[in-house]
Amino acid sequence: MHEEKAREVIADIARKLGEDFDGVGPHFYTDGWTGAIVFDLAEKYLVKITNSETIETQAEFLKHNPDGVFQNVCCFDYDYGYICFDFIKGEKYADKPLEAHDAIRQVAKIAENFREYPHEGYGFLHHEFKTWREFLADEVEYARGCIPAISTEKVYKALEAIGDAAPKQYLLHGDFGAHNFLVDDGKIRVIDPMPAVGDFLYDFYFAILSDTDIFTKVGREFIYSFFERDESEKEALLKIALYVRMSRAFKYDIENFDAYLKMYEEV
């Protein structure tokens, strides 16, 4: 079934791009998106067959963040249900990790270059909240349902500290983390956006807290050294990002959950 659908999509891509794919078969990948089919064509194009919302939001993010760190969109089609990117060469971050300080510096540079995106709300595109705090609170509540009973006092106080803040809006990656990093010649490139509108500082913390080999190798002073912000704001966003990441670790990285718990107890 995958092969038949892929053939239809490849034929449409060939028409749109004026390419000849005769003799070029799809190389399929396992993908984290439920129901998605992902394959490359001769390591020139990467194709994702998925739902229209994913196609629209990924195309929107990549249109506004075309600085070479991310994939370029070559074409897409809602009727056939696919989006086609240029193929990024590189190794998975897990197979080619960088020194932690270097990784954080690169992530900071990527985050601060997210594009401004004035918008009516905050949060994942098509699922926005009226305020920044409402979005963060929803993330915390979802995380609370996924992790064992641990104190939520810190994270709720962090939400209180955010208060009515209305940070400048940026179009964020939304699933910024090492699991979506490729390393090519020592440089991080990023795939699979799940676009959200909000403060790029949150995405920065969310990314470096995605891998214990990053955040356990540096002190919090180094993490807080990036960006000119009020220290209480930095601390609040770090605690919220950490709590949300703990829920991801409990589901997908349980062997490293204790490292997240230890940091949560110390912040």
C-alpha atoms as a PDB file:
ATOM      1  CA  MET A   1       0.000   0.000   0.000  1.00  0.00           C
ATOM      2  CA  HIS A   2       2.843   2.388   0.841  1.00  0.00           C
ATOM      3  CA  GLU A   3       4.495   1.647  -2.477  1.00  0.00           C
ATOM      4  CA  GLU A   4       1.321   2.353  -4.454  1.00  0.00           C
ATOM      5  CA  LYS A   5       0.705   5.675  -2.696  1.00  0.00           C
ATOM      6  CA  ALA A   6       4.365   6.619  -3.084  1.00  0.00           C
ATOM      7  CA  ARG A   7       4.203   5.980  -6.840  1.00  0.00           C
ATOM      8  CA  GLU A   8       1.267   8.384  -7.164  1.00  0.00           C
ATOM      9  CA  VAL A   9       3.090  11.039  -5.179  1.00  0.00           C
ATOM     10  CA  ILE A  10       6.351  10.582  -7.090  1.00  0.00           C
ATOM     11  CA  ALA A  11       4.502  11.042 -10.383  1.00  0.00           C
ATOM     12  CA  ASP A  12       3.009  14.320  -9.114  1.00  0.00           C
ATOM     13  CA  ILE A  13       6.391  15.542  -7.862  1.00  0.00           C
ATOM     14  CA  ALA A  14       7.923  14.712 -11.233  1.00  0.00           C
ATOM     15  CA  ARG A  15       5.259  16.837 -12.940  1.00  0.00           C
ATOM     16  CA  LYS A  16       5.694  19.753 -10.563  1.00  0.00           C
ATOM     17  CA  LEU A  17       9.494  19.797 -10.561  1.00  0.00           C
ATOM     18  CA  GLY A  18      10.089  18.645 -14.140  1.00  0.00           C
ATOM     19  CA  GLU A  19      12.168  15.730 -12.867  1.00  0.00           C
ATOM     20  CA  ASP A  20      12.575  12.266 -14.342  1.00  0.00           C
ATOM     21  CA  PHE A  21      12.430   9.616 -11.623  1.00  0.00           C
ATOM     22  CA  ASP A  22      12.476   6.594 -13.930  1.00  0.00           C
ATOM     23  CA  GLY A  23      14.460   3.887 -12.186  1.00  0.00           C
ATOM     24  CA  VAL A  24      14.519   5.804  -8.910  1.00  0.00           C
ATOM     25  CA  GLY A  25      12.679   3.927  -6.201  1.00  0.00           C
ATOM     26  CA  PRO A  26      11.640   5.347  -2.825  1.00  0.00           C
ATOM     27  CA  HIS A  27      13.779   4.567   0.196  1.00  0.00           C
ATOM     28  CA  PHE A  28      11.342   4.399   3.127  1.00  0.00           C
ATOM     29  CA  TYR A  29      11.991   5.540   6.698  1.00  0.00           C
ATOM     30  CA  THR A  30      10.238   4.990   9.994  1.00  0.00           C
ATOM     31  CA  ASP A  31       8.703   8.283  11.083  1.00  0.00           C
ATOM     32  CA  GLY A  32       7.466   9.586  14.419  1.00  0.00           C
ATOM     33  CA  TRP A  33       4.314  11.092  12.961  1.00  0.00           C
ATOM     34  CA  THR A  34       1.405   8.699  13.321  1.00  0.00           C
ATOM     35  CA  GLY A  35       0.181   7.632   9.926  1.00  0.00           C
ATOM     36  CA  ALA A  36       2.949   9.389   7.996  1.00  0.00           C
ATOM     37  CA  ILE A  37       4.897   7.758   5.180  1.00  0.00           C
ATOM     38  CA  VAL A  38       8.404   9.142   4.713  1.00  0.00           C
ATOM     39  CA  PHE A  39      10.878   8.312   1.947  1.00  0.00           C
ATOM     40  CA  ASP A  40      13.723   9.836  -0.003  1.00  0.00           C
ATOM     41  CA  LEU A  41      14.378   9.894  -3.723  1.00  0.00           C
ATOM     42  CA  ALA A  42      18.050   9.272  -4.534  1.00  0.00           C
ATOM     43  CA  GLU A  43      18.990  11.361  -1.448  1.00  0.00           C
ATOM     44  CA  LYS A  44      17.907  14.440  -3.402  1.00  0.00           C
ATOM     45  CA  TYR A  45      14.386  14.882  -2.070  1.00  0.00           C
ATOM     46  CA  LEU A  46      12.692  13.854   1.154  1.00  0.00           C
ATOM     47  CA  VAL A  47       8.953  13.262   0.917  1.00  0.00           C
ATOM     48  CA  LYS A  48       6.409  13.053   3.721  1.00  0.00           C
ATOM     49  CA  ILE A  49       2.898  11.784   3.036  1.00  0.00           C
ATOM     50  CA  THR A  50       0.800  13.103   5.886  1.00  0.00           C
ATOM     51  CA  ASN A  51      -2.268  15.113   6.888  1.00  0.00           C
ATOM     52  CA  SER A  52      -3.103  18.537   5.483  1.00  0.00           C
ATOM     53  CA  GLU A  53      -2.542  20.340   8.802  1.00  0.00           C
ATOM     54  CA  THR A  54       1.034  19.064   9.037  1.00  0.00           C
ATOM     55  CA  ILE A  55       1.675  20.001   5.412  1.00  0.00           C
ATOM     56  CA  GLU A  56       0.320  23.520   5.903  1.00  0.00           C
ATOM     57  CA  THR A  57       2.087  24.282   9.193  1.00  0.00           C
ATOM     58  CA  GLN A  58       5.458  22.844   8.146  1.00  0.00           C
ATOM     59  CA  ALA A  59       5.337  24.763   4.873  1.00  0.00           C
ATOM     60  CA  GLU A  60       4.485  27.936   6.812  1.00  0.00           C
ATOM     61  CA  PHE A  61       7.385  27.491   9.242  1.00  0.00           C
ATOM     62  CA  LEU A  62       9.903  26.752   6.513  1.00  0.00           C
ATOM     63  CA  LYS A  63       8.719  29.698   4.428  1.00  0.00           C
ATOM     64  CA  HIS A  64       9.555  32.020   7.319  1.00  0.00           C
ATOM     65  CA  ASN A  65      12.785  30.304   8.411  1.00  0.00           C
ATOM     66  CA  PRO A  66      14.759  29.739   5.190  1.00  0.00           C
ATOM     67  CA  ASP A  67      18.247  30.359   6.558  1.00  0.00           C
ATOM     68  CA  GLY A  68      19.929  27.059   5.650  1.00  0.00           C
ATOM     69  CA  VAL A  69      19.514  25.422   9.042  1.00  0.00           C
ATOM     70  CA  PHE A  70      16.202  23.903   8.002  1.00  0.00           C
ATOM     71  CA  GLN A  71      14.937  22.047   4.965  1.00  0.00           C
ATOM     72  CA  ASN A  72      13.674  23.899   1.921  1.00  0.00           C
ATOM     73  CA  VAL A  73      10.191  23.050   0.653  1.00  0.00           C
ATOM     74  CA  CYS A  74      10.331  22.009  -2.997  1.00  0.00           C
ATOM     75  CA  CYS A  75       6.606  21.453  -3.485  1.00  0.00           C
ATOM     76  CA  PHE A  76       3.502  20.144  -1.754  1.00  0.00           C
ATOM     77  CA  ASP A  77      -0.005  19.071  -2.618  1.00  0.00           C
ATOM     78  CA  TYR A  78      -3.062  18.776  -0.392  1.00  0.00           C
ATOM     79  CA  ASP A  79      -4.979  16.479  -2.754  1.00  0.00           C
ATOM     80  CA  TYR A  80      -2.193  13.906  -2.891  1.00  0.00           C
ATOM     81  CA  GLY A  81      -1.366  14.660   0.740  1.00  0.00           C
ATOM     82  CA  TYR A  82       2.395  15.205   0.713  1.00  0.00           C
ATOM     83  CA  ILE A  83       5.144  17.733   1.230  1.00  0.00           C
ATOM     84  CA  CYS A  84       8.507  17.424  -0.542  1.00  0.00           C
ATOM     85  CA  PHE A  85      11.727  18.883   0.888  1.00  0.00           C
ATOM     86  CA  ASP A  86      15.288  18.993  -0.276  1.00  0.00           C
ATOM     87  CA  PHE A  87      17.258  16.160   1.305  1.00  0.00           C
ATOM     88  CA  ILE A  88      19.520  17.140   4.192  1.00  0.00           C
ATOM     89  CA  LYS A  89      22.609  14.996   4.514  1.00  0.00           C
ATOM     90  CA  GLY A  90      23.967  14.383   7.962  1.00  0.00           C
ATOM     91  CA  GLU A  91      24.089  11.957  10.847  1.00  0.00           C
ATOM     92  CA  LYS A  92      21.528  11.706  13.627  1.00  0.00           C
ATOM     93  CA  TYR A  93      22.638  13.696  16.660  1.00  0.00           C
ATOM     94  CA  ALA A  94      22.518  10.551  18.815  1.00  0.00           C
ATOM     95  CA  ASP A  95      25.133   9.004  16.524  1.00  0.00           C
ATOM     96  CA  LYS A  96      27.278  12.134  16.227  1.00  0.00           C
ATOM     97  CA  PRO A  97      26.840  14.185  19.421  1.00  0.00           C
ATOM     98  CA  LEU A  98      28.666  17.482  19.806  1.00  0.00           C
ATOM     99  CA  GLU A  99      30.482  18.794  22.841  1.00  0.00           C
ATOM    100  CA  ALA A 100      27.739  20.169  25.098  1.00  0.00           C
ATOM    101  CA  HIS A 101      28.873  23.808  25.164  1.00  0.00           C
ATOM    102  CA  ASP A 102      29.207  23.833  21.377  1.00  0.00           C
ATOM    103  CA  ALA A 103      25.773  22.292  20.946  1.00  0.00           C
ATOM    104  CA  ILE A 104      24.162  24.905  23.223  1.00  0.00           C
ATOM    105  CA  ARG A 105      25.873  27.786  21.410  1.00  0.00           C
ATOM    106  CA  GLN A 106      24.584  26.490  18.071  1.00  0.00           C
ATOM    107  CA  VAL A 107      21.076  25.966  19.438  1.00  0.00           C
ATOM    108  CA  ALA A 108      21.073  29.519  20.833  1.00  0.00           C
ATOM    109  CA  LYS A 109      22.046  30.911  17.436  1.00  0.00           C
ATOM    110  CA  ILE A 110      19.258  28.983  15.735  1.00  0.00           C
ATOM    111  CA  ALA A 111      16.663  30.037  18.312  1.00  0.00           C
ATOM    112  CA  GLU A 112      17.491  33.736  18.208  1.00  0.00           C
ATOM    113  CA  ASN A 113      17.106  33.675  14.430  1.00  0.00           C
ATOM    114  CA  PHE A 114      13.544  32.379  14.465  1.00  0.00           C
ATOM    115  CA  ARG A 115      11.445  34.897  12.583  1.00  0.00           C
ATOM    116  CA  GLU A 116       9.022  37.307  14.208  1.00  0.00           C
ATOM    117  CA  TYR A 117       5.444  36.257  13.544  1.00  0.00           C
ATOM    118  CA  PRO A 118       2.723  38.655  14.746  1.00  0.00           C
ATOM    119  CA  HIS A 119      -0.293  36.487  15.441  1.00  0.00           C
ATOM    120  CA  GLU A 120      -3.619  36.528  17.270  1.00  0.00           C
ATOM    121  CA  GLY A 121      -2.582  33.902  19.808  1.00  0.00           C
ATOM    122  CA  TYR A 122       0.172  31.693  21.197  1.00  0.00           C
ATOM    123  CA  GLY A 123       0.820  27.992  20.828  1.00  0.00           C
ATOM    124  CA  PHE A 124       0.796  25.412  18.075  1.00  0.00           C
ATOM    125  CA  LEU A 125      -0.543  26.711  14.786  1.00  0.00           C
ATOM    126  CA  HIS A 126      -4.260  25.942  14.410  1.00  0.00           C
ATOM    127  CA  HIS A 127      -4.455  25.199  18.161  1.00  0.00           C
ATOM    128  CA  GLU A 128      -3.635  28.606  19.617  1.00  0.00           C
ATOM    129  CA  PHE A 129      -4.369  30.091  23.035  1.00  0.00           C
ATOM    130  CA  LYS A 130      -5.173  33.727  23.757  1.00  0.00           C
ATOM    131  CA  THR A 131      -2.196  34.203  26.083  1.00  0.00           C
ATOM    132  CA  TRP A 132       1.323  32.896  26.462  1.00  0.00           C
ATOM    133  CA  ARG A 133       0.596  31.676  29.976  1.00  0.00           C
ATOM    134  CA  GLU A 134      -2.467  29.707  28.806  1.00  0.00           C
ATOM    135  CA  PHE A 135      -0.357  27.853  26.260  1.00  0.00           C
ATOM    136  CA  LEU A 136       2.364  27.046  28.794  1.00  0.00           C
ATOM    137  CA  ALA A 137      -0.240  25.974  31.364  1.00  0.00           C
ATOM    138  CA  ASP A 138      -1.777  23.599  28.813  1.00  0.00           C
ATOM    139  CA  GLU A 139       1.650  22.080  28.153  1.00  0.00           C
ATOM    140  CA  VAL A 140       2.179  21.631  31.901  1.00  0.00           C
ATOM    141  CA  GLU A 141      -1.227  20.004  32.401  1.00  0.00           C
ATOM    142  CA  TYR A 142      -0.590  17.573  29.568  1.00  0.00           C
ATOM    143  CA  ALA A 143       2.815  16.717  31.041  1.00  0.00           C
ATOM    144  CA  ARG A 144       1.265  16.251  34.492  1.00  0.00           C
ATOM    145  CA  GLY A 145      -0.901  13.474  33.107  1.00  0.00           C
ATOM    146  CA  CYS A 146       2.101  11.619  31.692  1.00  0.00           C
ATOM    147  CA  ILE A 147       4.556  11.523  34.605  1.00  0.00           C
ATOM    148  CA  PRO A 148       4.378   9.946  38.065  1.00  0.00           C
ATOM    149  CA  ALA A 149       3.254  11.909  41.089  1.00  0.00           C
ATOM    150  CA  ILE A 150       5.964  14.464  41.761  1.00  0.00           C
ATOM    151  CA  SER A 151       5.565  17.896  43.270  1.00  0.00           C
ATOM    152  CA  THR A 152       4.135  20.477  40.885  1.00  0.00           C
ATOM    153  CA  GLU A 153       4.745  23.382  43.263  1.00  0.00           C
ATOM    154  CA  LYS A 154       7.780  24.661  41.350  1.00  0.00           C
ATOM    155  CA  VAL A 155       6.205  24.554  37.937  1.00  0.00           C
ATOM    156  CA  TYR A 156       2.977  26.211  39.102  1.00  0.00           C
ATOM    157  CA  LYS A 157       4.977  28.989  40.747  1.00  0.00           C
ATOM    158  CA  ALA A 158       6.840  29.369  37.460  1.00  0.00           C
ATOM    159  CA  LEU A 159       3.512  29.793  35.652  1.00  0.00           C
ATOM    160  CA  GLU A 160       2.530  32.438  38.206  1.00  0.00           C
ATOM    161  CA  ALA A 161       5.798  34.235  37.490  1.00  0.00           C
ATOM    162  CA  ILE A 162       4.940  34.317  33.772  1.00  0.00           C
ATOM    163  CA  GLY A 163       1.690  36.044  34.703  1.00  0.00           C
ATOM    164  CA  ASP A 164       0.222  38.274  32.000  1.00  0.00           C
ATOM    165  CA  ALA A 165       3.446  38.582  30.031  1.00  0.00           C
ATOM    166  CA  ALA A 166       2.852  38.978  26.303  1.00  0.00           C
ATOM    167  CA  PRO A 167       6.276  38.258  24.784  1.00  0.00           C
ATOM    168  CA  LYS A 168       7.121  39.220  21.253  1.00  0.00           C
ATOM    169  CA  GLN A 169       5.868  36.457  18.997  1.00  0.00           C
ATOM    170  CA  TYR A 170       8.178  34.256  16.964  1.00  0.00           C
ATOM    171  CA  LEU A 171       7.419  31.272  14.760  1.00  0.00           C
ATOM    172  CA  LEU A 172       9.049  28.475  16.753  1.00  0.00           C
ATOM    173  CA  HIS A 173      10.058  24.992  15.688  1.00  0.00           C
ATOM    174  CA  GLY A 174       7.812  23.545  18.390  1.00  0.00           C
ATOM    175  CA  ASP A 175       9.580  20.190  18.684  1.00  0.00           C
ATOM    176  CA  PHE A 176      13.076  21.615  18.905  1.00  0.00           C
ATOM    177  CA  GLY A 177      15.419  18.948  20.242  1.00  0.00           C
ATOM    178  CA  ALA A 178      18.263  16.554  19.615  1.00  0.00           C
ATOM    179  CA  HIS A 179      15.894  13.919  18.213  1.00  0.00           C
ATOM    180  CA  ASN A 180      15.328  16.316  15.294  1.00  0.00           C
ATOM    181  CA  PHE A 181      18.979  17.329  14.856  1.00  0.00           C
ATOM    182  CA  LEU A 182      21.248  16.174  12.057  1.00  0.00           C
ATOM    183  CA  VAL A 183      24.974  16.888  12.266  1.00  0.00           C
ATOM    184  CA  ASP A 184      26.914  17.656   9.103  1.00  0.00           C
ATOM    185  CA  ASP A 185      30.556  18.715   9.395  1.00  0.00           C
ATOM    186  CA  GLY A 186      30.031  19.770  13.000  1.00  0.00           C
ATOM    187  CA  LYS A 187      26.981  21.904  12.216  1.00  0.00           C
ATOM    188  CA  ILE A 188      23.470  21.257  13.486  1.00  0.00           C
ATOM    189  CA  ARG A 189      20.610  21.209  11.012  1.00  0.00           C
ATOM    190  CA  VAL A 190      17.026  20.698  12.104  1.00  0.00           C
ATOM    191  CA  ILE A 191      14.133  18.705  10.659  1.00  0.00           C
ATOM    192  CA  ASP A 192      10.437  18.024  11.408  1.00  0.00           C
ATOM    193  CA  PRO A 193       9.036  21.301  12.755  1.00  0.00           C
ATOM    194  CA  MET A 194       5.790  21.252  14.734  1.00  0.00           C
ATOM    195  CA  PRO A 195       5.295  25.007  14.459  1.00  0.00           C
ATOM    196  CA  ALA A 196       4.198  27.115  17.399  1.00  0.00           C
ATOM    197  CA  VAL A 197       3.992  30.830  18.122  1.00  0.00           C
ATOM    198  CA  GLY A 198       5.730  32.141  21.200  1.00  0.00           C
ATOM    199  CA  ASP A 199       8.936  33.213  22.918  1.00  0.00           C
ATOM    200  CA  PHE A 200      12.071  31.792  21.301  1.00  0.00           C
ATOM    201  CA  LEU A 201      13.700  31.535  24.750  1.00  0.00           C
ATOM    202  CA  TYR A 202      11.291  28.723  25.632  1.00  0.00           C
ATOM    203  CA  ASP A 203      12.216  26.797  22.482  1.00  0.00           C
ATOM    204  CA  PHE A 204      15.897  27.295  23.340  1.00  0.00           C
ATOM    205  CA  TYR A 205      15.463  25.705  26.766  1.00  0.00           C
ATOM    206  CA  PHE A 206      13.178  23.031  25.335  1.00  0.00           C
ATOM    207  CA  ALA A 207      15.923  22.028  22.890  1.00  0.00           C
ATOM    208  CA  ILE A 208      18.872  21.817  25.278  1.00  0.00           C
ATOM    209  CA  LEU A 209      16.740  19.910  27.788  1.00  0.00           C
ATOM    210  CA  SER A 210      16.002  17.280  25.150  1.00  0.00           C
ATOM    211  CA  ASP A 211      19.264  15.410  25.717  1.00  0.00           C
ATOM    212  CA  THR A 212      20.919  14.548  29.020  1.00  0.00           C
ATOM    213  CA  ASP A 213      24.335  14.590  27.325  1.00  0.00           C
ATOM    214  CA  ILE A 214      23.760  18.290  26.735  1.00  0.00           C
ATOM    215  CA  PHE A 215      22.207  19.720  29.894  1.00  0.00           C
ATOM    216  CA  THR A 216      24.008  17.516  32.448  1.00  0.00           C
ATOM    217  CA  LYS A 217      27.438  18.505  31.094  1.00  0.00           C
ATOM    218  CA  VAL A 218      27.123  22.237  31.740  1.00  0.00           C
ATOM    219  CA  GLY A 219      26.165  24.383  34.710  1.00  0.00           C
ATOM    220  CA  ARG A 220      22.962  26.376  34.873  1.00  0.00           C
ATOM    221  CA  GLU A 221      25.076  29.533  34.895  1.00  0.00           C
ATOM    222  CA  PHE A 222      26.145  28.721  31.347  1.00  0.00           C
ATOM    223  CA  ILE A 223      22.559  28.019  30.284  1.00  0.00           C
ATOM    224  CA  TYR A 224      21.378  31.310  31.814  1.00  0.00           C
ATOM    225  CA  SER A 225      24.238  33.232  30.182  1.00  0.00           C
ATOM    226  CA  PHE A 226      22.397  33.393  26.869  1.00  0.00           C
ATOM    227  CA  PHE A 227      20.125  36.315  26.006  1.00  0.00           C
ATOM    228  CA  GLU A 228      19.484  39.523  27.905  1.00  0.00           C
ATOM    229  CA  ARG A 229      16.404  38.719  29.941  1.00  0.00           C
ATOM    230  CA  ASP A 230      15.298  39.143  33.527  1.00  0.00           C
ATOM    231  CA  GLU A 231      16.725  36.299  35.596  1.00  0.00           C
ATOM    232  CA  SER A 232      13.338  35.411  37.083  1.00  0.00           C
ATOM    233  CA  GLU A 233      11.897  35.090  33.577  1.00  0.00           C
ATOM    234  CA  LYS A 234      14.718  32.772  32.558  1.00  0.00           C
ATOM    235  CA  GLU A 235      14.270  30.638  35.658  1.00  0.00           C
ATOM    236  CA  ALA A 236      10.504  30.363  35.166  1.00  0.00           C
ATOM    237  CA  LEU A 237      10.764  29.325  31.509  1.00  0.00           C
ATOM    238  CA  LEU A 238      13.521  26.820  32.298  1.00  0.00           C
ATOM    239  CA  LYS A 239      11.416  25.169  35.011  1.00  0.00           C
ATOM    240  CA  ILE A 240       8.401  24.929  32.712  1.00  0.00           C
ATOM    241  CA  ALA A 241      10.437  23.540  29.803  1.00  0.00           C
ATOM    242  CA  LEU A 242      12.111  21.053  32.153  1.00  0.00           C
ATOM    243  CA  TYR A 243       8.794  19.835  33.567  1.00  0.00           C
ATOM    244  CA  VAL A 244       7.382  19.324  30.064  1.00  0.00           C
ATOM    245  CA  ARG A 245      10.551  17.545  28.969  1.00  0.00           C
ATOM    246  CA  MET A 246      10.314  15.253  31.995  1.00  0.00           C
ATOM    247  CA  SER A 247       7.053  13.893  30.634  1.00  0.00           C
ATOM    248  CA  ARG A 248       8.700  13.181  27.274  1.00  0.00           C
ATOM    249  CA  ALA A 249      11.590  11.444  29.022  1.00  0.00           C
ATOM    250  CA  PHE A 250       9.202   9.320  31.083  1.00  0.00           C
ATOM    251  CA  LYS A 251       7.559   8.091  27.872  1.00  0.00           C
ATOM    252  CA  TYR A 252      10.508   7.846  25.489  1.00  0.00           C
ATOM    253  CA  ASP A 253      13.762   8.017  27.499  1.00  0.00           C
ATOM    254  CA  ILE A 254      12.961   6.353  30.817  1.00  0.00           C
ATOM    255  CA  GLU A 255      16.558   5.251  31.402  1.00  0.00           C
ATOM    256  CA  ASN A 256      17.529   8.922  31.724  1.00  0.00           C
ATOM    257  CA  PHE A 257      14.484  10.062  33.702  1.00  0.00           C
ATOM    258  CA  ASP A 258      16.468  10.290  36.951  1.00  0.00           C
ATOM    259  CA  ALA A 259      18.715  12.943  35.396  1.00  0.00           C
ATOM    260  CA  TYR A 260      15.652  15.077  34.666  1.00  0.00           C
ATOM    261  CA  LEU A 261      14.266  14.485  38.137  1.00  0.00           C
ATOM    262  CA  LYS A 262      17.591  15.455  39.729  1.00  0.00           C
ATOM    263  CA  MET A 263      17.706  18.729  37.826  1.00  0.00           C
ATOM    264  CA  TYR A 264      14.065  19.453  38.682  1.00  0.00           C
ATOM    265  CA  GLU A 265      14.863  18.999  42.363  1.00  0.00           C
ATOM    266  CA  GLU A 266      17.795  21.404  42.090  1.00  0.00           C
ATOM    267  CA  VAL A 267      16.297  24.290  40.101  1.00  0.00           C
END
